[in-house]
Amino acid sequence: MITIYNNSLVSLYSQTNLNLELLSFYNDWKIRYLRPVENASPLKEYLFYTLDQPTSNNAVTCSEAMGYGMVIFPLMNKFDVSAKVHFHSIYNYIKSYPSIYNKNLMAWQQIKDSNGNIVNSEAETSSATDGDMDISYGLLLAHKLWGSNDKINYKDEAMP
């Protein structure tokens, strides 16, 4: 039986152990899901969201998965010197796949076509609100953390 102190299981572990567990999970997540786009310049990466649940249309990622990355990388910046590089590379990916309805939003899903190229899943790809909101939130986190005197004006990108 587990005894709960202060009404929290977390209180059973030291902050150091919690940080180590978080870093271990984060590093495993990056290795498992973060993928580079081959021969892309500038660097583009995506989160391979169908790794564990393949789809019939060869989907590789969607705006929701990319939005999660846009939030996670700024939050992990303190622990990962490459977090900002990954943030920028997934931002570059996002900007490469705009919704047909609004270029400031990301197309919902991308697939690999028969030639192995990553393309939008449909010719007229809309967006997904939850993915776009996470992307914007990640940009606001980046603005707060890194300012907007970088290659990307994070705040302007978050609120076009």
C-alpha atoms as a PDB file:
ATOM      1  CA  MET A   1       0.000   0.000   0.000  1.00  0.00           C
ATOM      2  CA  ILE A   2       1.223   3.492  -0.868  1.00  0.00           C
ATOM      3  CA  THR A   3       1.006   6.038   1.885  1.00  0.00           C
ATOM      4  CA  ILE A   4       0.020   9.483   0.642  1.00  0.00           C
ATOM      5  CA  TYR A   5       1.624  12.419   2.441  1.00  0.00           C
ATOM      6  CA  ASN A   6       0.214  15.900   2.074  1.00  0.00           C
ATOM      7  CA  ASN A   7      -2.515  14.389  -0.139  1.00  0.00           C
ATOM      8  CA  SER A   8      -0.060  13.987  -3.013  1.00  0.00           C
ATOM      9  CA  LEU A   9       1.924  11.105  -4.479  1.00  0.00           C
ATOM     10  CA  VAL A  10       4.359  13.687  -5.840  1.00  0.00           C
ATOM     11  CA  SER A  11       5.456  14.538  -2.314  1.00  0.00           C
ATOM     12  CA  LEU A  12       6.934  11.033  -2.066  1.00  0.00           C
ATOM     13  CA  TYR A  13       9.681  11.969  -4.533  1.00  0.00           C
ATOM     14  CA  SER A  14      12.423  14.569  -4.347  1.00  0.00           C
ATOM     15  CA  GLN A  15      12.440  17.416  -6.841  1.00  0.00           C
ATOM     16  CA  THR A  16      15.687  16.027  -8.248  1.00  0.00           C
ATOM     17  CA  ASN A  17      14.101  12.629  -8.903  1.00  0.00           C
ATOM     18  CA  LEU A  18      11.028  14.252 -10.463  1.00  0.00           C
ATOM     19  CA  ASN A  19      13.261  16.343 -12.743  1.00  0.00           C
ATOM     20  CA  LEU A  20      15.264  13.278 -13.767  1.00  0.00           C
ATOM     21  CA  GLU A  21      12.085  11.346 -14.596  1.00  0.00           C
ATOM     22  CA  LEU A  22      10.740  14.272 -16.607  1.00  0.00           C
ATOM     23  CA  LEU A  23      13.986  14.588 -18.557  1.00  0.00           C
ATOM     24  CA  SER A  24      14.092  10.867 -19.224  1.00  0.00           C
ATOM     25  CA  PHE A  25      10.522  10.880 -20.567  1.00  0.00           C
ATOM     26  CA  TYR A  26      11.160  14.040 -22.605  1.00  0.00           C
ATOM     27  CA  ASN A  27      14.310  12.628 -24.197  1.00  0.00           C
ATOM     28  CA  ASP A  28      12.557   9.345 -25.011  1.00  0.00           C
ATOM     29  CA  TRP A  29       9.669  11.340 -26.543  1.00  0.00           C
ATOM     30  CA  LYS A  30      12.048  13.345 -28.761  1.00  0.00           C
ATOM     31  CA  ILE A  31      13.878  10.228 -29.937  1.00  0.00           C
ATOM     32  CA  ARG A  32      10.648   8.371 -30.646  1.00  0.00           C
ATOM     33  CA  TYR A  33       8.529  11.038 -32.336  1.00  0.00           C
ATOM     34  CA  LEU A  34      10.622  13.991 -33.574  1.00  0.00           C
ATOM     35  CA  ARG A  35      11.562  13.527 -37.239  1.00  0.00           C
ATOM     36  CA  PRO A  36      13.552  15.745 -39.609  1.00  0.00           C
ATOM     37  CA  VAL A  37      12.276  16.530 -43.091  1.00  0.00           C
ATOM     38  CA  GLU A  38      14.993  15.229 -45.389  1.00  0.00           C
ATOM     39  CA  ASN A  39      16.971  17.819 -47.364  1.00  0.00           C
ATOM     40  CA  ALA A  40      14.974  20.721 -45.934  1.00  0.00           C
ATOM     41  CA  SER A  41      16.553  24.148 -45.769  1.00  0.00           C
ATOM     42  CA  PRO A  42      15.975  25.744 -43.361  1.00  0.00           C
ATOM     43  CA  LEU A  43      15.727  22.768 -41.018  1.00  0.00           C
ATOM     44  CA  LYS A  44      12.198  21.415 -40.629  1.00  0.00           C
ATOM     45  CA  GLU A  45      11.043  18.803 -38.150  1.00  0.00           C
ATOM     46  CA  TYR A  46       7.681  17.271 -37.379  1.00  0.00           C
ATOM     47  CA  LEU A  47       6.206  15.096 -34.652  1.00  0.00           C
ATOM     48  CA  PHE A  48       5.352  11.706 -36.160  1.00  0.00           C
ATOM     49  CA  TYR A  49       1.982  11.284 -34.519  1.00  0.00           C
ATOM     50  CA  THR A  50       0.918   8.088 -36.284  1.00  0.00           C
ATOM     51  CA  LEU A  51       3.929   6.013 -35.227  1.00  0.00           C
ATOM     52  CA  ASP A  52       1.868   3.938 -32.812  1.00  0.00           C
ATOM     53  CA  GLN A  53      -1.387   4.084 -34.778  1.00  0.00           C
ATOM     54  CA  PRO A  54      -0.684   4.062 -38.530  1.00  0.00           C
ATOM     55  CA  THR A  55      -3.398   5.410 -40.818  1.00  0.00           C
ATOM     56  CA  SER A  56      -4.544   4.182 -44.200  1.00  0.00           C
ATOM     57  CA  ASN A  57      -3.552   7.504 -45.819  1.00  0.00           C
ATOM     58  CA  ASN A  58       0.114   7.450 -44.591  1.00  0.00           C
ATOM     59  CA  ALA A  59      -0.406  10.432 -42.281  1.00  0.00           C
ATOM     60  CA  VAL A  60       2.761  11.700 -40.605  1.00  0.00           C
ATOM     61  CA  THR A  61       1.601  14.602 -38.470  1.00  0.00           C
ATOM     62  CA  CYS A  62      -1.180  17.053 -37.763  1.00  0.00           C
ATOM     63  CA  SER A  63      -1.515  20.539 -36.342  1.00  0.00           C
ATOM     64  CA  GLU A  64      -2.427  19.226 -32.891  1.00  0.00           C
ATOM     65  CA  ALA A  65       0.816  17.237 -32.610  1.00  0.00           C
ATOM     66  CA  MET A  66       2.821  20.199 -33.852  1.00  0.00           C
ATOM     67  CA  GLY A  67       1.060  22.469 -31.372  1.00  0.00           C
ATOM     68  CA  TYR A  68       2.089  20.174 -28.523  1.00  0.00           C
ATOM     69  CA  GLY A  69       5.710  20.508 -29.637  1.00  0.00           C
ATOM     70  CA  MET A  70       5.405  24.288 -29.828  1.00  0.00           C
ATOM     71  CA  VAL A  71       4.361  24.282 -26.153  1.00  0.00           C
ATOM     72  CA  ILE A  72       6.752  21.583 -24.929  1.00  0.00           C
ATOM     73  CA  PHE A  73       9.992  22.965 -26.358  1.00  0.00           C
ATOM     74  CA  PRO A  74       9.829  26.406 -24.695  1.00  0.00           C
ATOM     75  CA  LEU A  75       8.886  24.750 -21.402  1.00  0.00           C
ATOM     76  CA  MET A  76      11.888  22.394 -21.650  1.00  0.00           C
ATOM     77  CA  ASN A  77      14.350  25.085 -22.749  1.00  0.00           C
ATOM     78  CA  LYS A  78      15.865  25.274 -19.260  1.00  0.00           C
ATOM     79  CA  PHE A  79      16.783  21.585 -19.442  1.00  0.00           C
ATOM     80  CA  ASP A  80      17.557  21.122 -23.143  1.00  0.00           C
ATOM     81  CA  VAL A  81      20.037  23.345 -24.991  1.00  0.00           C
ATOM     82  CA  SER A  82      18.561  22.139 -28.308  1.00  0.00           C
ATOM     83  CA  ALA A  83      14.946  23.048 -27.428  1.00  0.00           C
ATOM     84  CA  LYS A  84      15.021  26.388 -29.241  1.00  0.00           C
ATOM     85  CA  VAL A  85      16.483  24.771 -32.379  1.00  0.00           C
ATOM     86  CA  HIS A  86      13.682  22.183 -32.344  1.00  0.00           C
ATOM     87  CA  PHE A  87      11.107  24.910 -31.737  1.00  0.00           C
ATOM     88  CA  HIS A  88      12.337  26.828 -34.787  1.00  0.00           C
ATOM     89  CA  SER A  89      12.473  23.728 -36.966  1.00  0.00           C
ATOM     90  CA  ILE A  90       8.885  22.739 -36.178  1.00  0.00           C
ATOM     91  CA  TYR A  91       7.839  26.354 -36.692  1.00  0.00           C
ATOM     92  CA  ASN A  92       9.474  26.165 -40.154  1.00  0.00           C
ATOM     93  CA  TYR A  93       7.487  23.013 -40.846  1.00  0.00           C
ATOM     94  CA  ILE A  94       4.223  24.608 -39.692  1.00  0.00           C
ATOM     95  CA  LYS A  95       4.735  27.623 -41.959  1.00  0.00           C
ATOM     96  CA  SER A  96       5.281  25.271 -44.915  1.00  0.00           C
ATOM     97  CA  TYR A  97       1.781  23.779 -44.619  1.00  0.00           C
ATOM     98  CA  PRO A  98      -0.770  26.598 -44.321  1.00  0.00           C
ATOM     99  CA  SER A  99      -4.516  26.116 -44.368  1.00  0.00           C
ATOM    100  CA  ILE A 100      -6.144  27.106 -47.636  1.00  0.00           C
ATOM    101  CA  TYR A 101      -8.560  29.328 -45.704  1.00  0.00           C
ATOM    102  CA  ASN A 102      -6.012  31.345 -43.765  1.00  0.00           C
ATOM    103  CA  LYS A 103      -2.239  31.278 -44.348  1.00  0.00           C
ATOM    104  CA  ASN A 104      -1.689  32.117 -40.655  1.00  0.00           C
ATOM    105  CA  LEU A 105      -3.190  28.758 -39.639  1.00  0.00           C
ATOM    106  CA  MET A 106      -1.671  25.317 -40.213  1.00  0.00           C
ATOM    107  CA  ALA A 107      -3.296  22.760 -42.469  1.00  0.00           C
ATOM    108  CA  TRP A 108      -4.743  20.019 -40.292  1.00  0.00           C
ATOM    109  CA  GLN A 109      -2.854  16.931 -41.522  1.00  0.00           C
ATOM    110  CA  GLN A 110       0.060  15.951 -43.744  1.00  0.00           C
ATOM    111  CA  ILE A 111       0.735  12.609 -45.406  1.00  0.00           C
ATOM    112  CA  LYS A 112       3.518  10.980 -47.394  1.00  0.00           C
ATOM    113  CA  ASP A 113       2.505  10.673 -51.028  1.00  0.00           C
ATOM    114  CA  SER A 114       3.490   7.783 -53.296  1.00  0.00           C
ATOM    115  CA  ASN A 115       6.840   9.488 -54.004  1.00  0.00           C
ATOM    116  CA  GLY A 116       7.632   9.877 -50.297  1.00  0.00           C
ATOM    117  CA  ASN A 117       7.000  13.636 -50.294  1.00  0.00           C
ATOM    118  CA  ILE A 118       5.159  15.202 -47.377  1.00  0.00           C
ATOM    119  CA  VAL A 119       2.016  16.954 -48.620  1.00  0.00           C
ATOM    120  CA  ASN A 120      -1.257  18.156 -47.141  1.00  0.00           C
ATOM    121  CA  SER A 121      -3.712  15.297 -46.751  1.00  0.00           C
ATOM    122  CA  GLU A 122      -6.231  16.956 -49.063  1.00  0.00           C
ATOM    123  CA  ALA A 123      -5.968  19.530 -51.814  1.00  0.00           C
ATOM    124  CA  GLU A 124      -8.196  21.874 -49.835  1.00  0.00           C
ATOM    125  CA  THR A 125      -6.950  21.367 -46.308  1.00  0.00           C
ATOM    126  CA  SER A 126      -8.638  23.302 -43.551  1.00  0.00           C
ATOM    127  CA  SER A 127      -7.203  23.820 -40.085  1.00  0.00           C
ATOM    128  CA  ALA A 128      -7.969  22.480 -36.610  1.00  0.00           C
ATOM    129  CA  THR A 129      -8.711  25.050 -33.933  1.00  0.00           C
ATOM    130  CA  ASP A 130      -7.050  23.140 -31.083  1.00  0.00           C
ATOM    131  CA  GLY A 131      -3.812  22.726 -33.028  1.00  0.00           C
ATOM    132  CA  ASP A 132      -3.716  26.373 -34.043  1.00  0.00           C
ATOM    133  CA  MET A 133      -4.414  27.495 -30.481  1.00  0.00           C
ATOM    134  CA  ASP A 134      -1.556  25.369 -29.135  1.00  0.00           C
ATOM    135  CA  ILE A 135       0.764  26.723 -31.841  1.00  0.00           C
ATOM    136  CA  SER A 136      -0.162  30.289 -30.867  1.00  0.00           C
ATOM    137  CA  TYR A 137       0.253  29.542 -27.182  1.00  0.00           C
ATOM    138  CA  GLY A 138       3.708  28.082 -27.884  1.00  0.00           C
ATOM    139  CA  LEU A 139       4.646  31.234 -29.780  1.00  0.00           C
ATOM    140  CA  LEU A 140       3.521  33.357 -26.823  1.00  0.00           C
ATOM    141  CA  LEU A 141       5.613  31.210 -24.475  1.00  0.00           C
ATOM    142  CA  ALA A 142       8.586  31.697 -26.813  1.00  0.00           C
ATOM    143  CA  HIS A 143       8.008  35.461 -26.827  1.00  0.00           C
ATOM    144  CA  LYS A 144       7.983  35.526 -23.019  1.00  0.00           C
ATOM    145  CA  LEU A 145      11.083  33.333 -22.813  1.00  0.00           C
ATOM    146  CA  TRP A 146      13.207  34.532 -25.739  1.00  0.00           C
ATOM    147  CA  GLY A 147      11.725  37.915 -26.642  1.00  0.00           C
ATOM    148  CA  SER A 148      10.981  38.812 -30.235  1.00  0.00           C
ATOM    149  CA  ASN A 149      14.363  40.082 -31.368  1.00  0.00           C
ATOM    150  CA  ASP A 150      15.092  36.755 -33.013  1.00  0.00           C
ATOM    151  CA  LYS A 151      14.600  35.410 -36.529  1.00  0.00           C
ATOM    152  CA  ILE A 152      10.944  35.053 -35.602  1.00  0.00           C
ATOM    153  CA  ASN A 153       8.800  37.713 -34.009  1.00  0.00           C
ATOM    154  CA  TYR A 154       6.975  35.195 -31.837  1.00  0.00           C
ATOM    155  CA  LYS A 155       4.298  37.553 -30.556  1.00  0.00           C
ATOM    156  CA  ASP A 156       3.407  38.859 -34.023  1.00  0.00           C
ATOM    157  CA  GLU A 157       3.238  35.279 -35.330  1.00  0.00           C
ATOM    158  CA  ALA A 158       0.981  34.254 -32.437  1.00  0.00           C
ATOM    159  CA  MET A 159      -1.472  37.093 -33.022  1.00  0.00           C
ATOM    160  CA  PRO A 160      -1.442  38.018 -36.733  1.00  0.00           C
END
